Every structure is written in C-alpha cells, then in structure tokens.
Amino acid sequence: MIKVASGFILWFMNRMKFQGWTSLWGDIYFVPGCETDAGLILHEQTHLKQMAKDGKLVYMVKYLYWTARYGYMQNPYEIEARAVQYGISKG
C-alpha cells in the first residue's frame, strides 16, 4: 500500500534523505509531494519484489551487509531498483 509518510517515519526518511521507503510490512512511504512520482513508485515496488523473492529476513540481512560493504549507492538491491526506476535495460 502506498502511503504519504508522517510522524516518525517522515522524520526517519528526512534524516536519511529518502524520498521513498519500503517497509518490511509491505507499505511504501513517500515524503509529501513524491507519492505520484512514477519512477520512484517503480523503484520502491522493486524492493517489494526483492523481498518476495529472497524472503524478508534474507533481504534485510543482504541489504544491510551490502550497504556496509559497498555503500548505499553500490548496494545491488539499490542498483536494480534504480535500473527499473530509470528504465535501464540489463542486457
């Protein structure tokens, strides 16, 4: 479900400089004004697909490991989500 962030979640997203964030409980949050950004919606929906494919626990462990090892921008989950967001072909 797509939601406009408020309260603690909005604070967290602003602190992390996220425009969108996908929760482990399956909700996608956007900072106010970004909830209609089609590319950003695709990006966050990709994270839901990644969670469904790998399972929530494995996804979370890999996400944290890859972010610690490679950094946020080089996290393979984020690379895949940006490729979908911007329509970049894998081949």
Protein backbone atom coordinates (compact mmCIF):
# COMPACT_ATOMS: atom_id res chain seq x y z
CA MET A 1 0.00 0.00 0.00
CA ILE A 2 1.29 3.44 -0.91
CA LYS A 3 1.20 6.00 1.90
CA VAL A 4 2.36 9.56 2.46
CA ALA A 5 4.81 9.49 5.35
CA SER A 6 4.14 11.34 8.56
CA GLY A 7 5.35 11.34 12.15
CA PHE A 8 8.35 9.18 12.99
CA ILE A 9 8.53 7.60 9.53
CA LEU A 10 8.68 11.03 7.87
CA TRP A 11 11.33 12.12 10.37
CA PHE A 12 13.36 8.96 9.62
CA MET A 13 13.03 9.45 5.85
CA ASN A 14 14.07 13.10 6.07
CA ARG A 15 17.02 12.17 8.26
CA MET A 16 18.12 9.50 5.77
CA LYS A 17 17.35 11.79 2.80
CA PHE A 18 14.91 9.20 1.36
CA GLN A 19 12.08 10.31 -0.91
CA GLY A 20 10.60 6.82 -0.74
CA TRP A 21 10.97 3.92 1.65
CA THR A 22 9.65 0.36 1.55
CA SER A 23 8.83 -1.19 4.90
CA LEU A 24 9.25 -4.85 5.79
CA TRP A 25 5.49 -4.93 6.45
CA GLY A 26 4.81 -4.14 2.79
CA ASP A 27 3.84 -0.48 2.88
CA ILE A 28 5.60 2.03 0.67
CA TYR A 29 6.01 5.51 2.14
CA PHE A 30 6.77 8.72 0.28
CA VAL A 31 7.63 12.16 1.54
CA PRO A 32 4.80 14.57 0.78
CA GLY A 33 4.85 15.59 -2.87
CA CYS A 34 6.67 12.45 -4.11
CA GLU A 35 3.78 9.99 -3.90
CA THR A 36 2.89 10.42 -7.59
CA ASP A 37 6.43 10.07 -8.97
CA ALA A 38 6.02 7.06 -11.30
CA GLY A 39 9.73 6.24 -11.39
CA LEU A 40 10.05 6.38 -7.62
CA ILE A 41 6.98 4.16 -7.25
CA LEU A 42 8.62 1.61 -9.57
CA HIS A 43 11.83 1.84 -7.53
CA GLU A 44 10.04 1.07 -4.27
CA GLN A 45 7.91 -1.67 -5.86
CA THR A 46 11.16 -3.30 -6.95
CA HIS A 47 12.15 -3.55 -3.29
CA LEU A 48 8.86 -5.35 -2.57
CA LYS A 49 9.66 -7.82 -5.36
CA GLN A 50 13.16 -8.32 -3.98
CA MET A 51 11.70 -9.07 -0.54
CA ALA A 52 9.19 -11.51 -2.03
CA LYS A 53 11.94 -13.28 -3.97
CA ASP A 54 14.52 -13.54 -1.19
CA GLY A 55 12.27 -13.51 1.88
CA LYS A 56 12.14 -10.62 4.30
CA LEU A 57 14.86 -11.86 6.65
CA VAL A 58 17.34 -12.70 3.89
CA TYR A 59 16.54 -9.42 2.13
CA MET A 60 17.21 -7.42 5.29
CA VAL A 61 20.49 -9.22 6.07
CA LYS A 62 21.74 -8.87 2.49
CA TYR A 63 20.59 -5.24 2.30
CA LEU A 64 22.48 -4.30 5.47
CA TYR A 65 25.55 -6.34 4.51
CA TRP A 66 25.74 -4.90 1.00
CA THR A 67 25.23 -1.36 2.27
CA ALA A 68 28.01 -1.81 4.84
CA ARG A 69 30.34 -3.46 2.31
CA TYR A 70 29.68 -1.43 -0.85
CA GLY A 71 27.83 1.66 0.34
CA TYR A 72 24.22 2.63 -0.30
CA MET A 73 24.67 3.65 -3.94
CA GLN A 74 26.51 0.43 -4.85
CA ASN A 75 24.15 -1.89 -2.94
CA PRO A 76 22.99 -4.41 -5.61
CA TYR A 77 19.37 -4.07 -4.46
CA GLU A 78 19.56 -0.31 -4.98
CA ILE A 79 21.30 -0.68 -8.35
CA GLU A 80 18.49 -2.96 -9.53
CA ALA A 81 15.79 -0.62 -8.20
CA ARG A 82 17.39 2.41 -9.90
CA ALA A 83 17.64 0.46 -13.16
CA VAL A 84 13.89 -0.18 -13.00
CA GLN A 85 13.20 3.40 -11.93
CA TYR A 86 15.06 4.87 -14.88
CA GLY A 87 14.19 2.14 -17.41
CA ILE A 88 17.75 0.89 -17.81
CA SER A 89 17.97 -2.46 -19.60
CA LYS A 90 20.05 -5.23 -18.03
CA GLY A 91 21.25 -6.50 -21.40
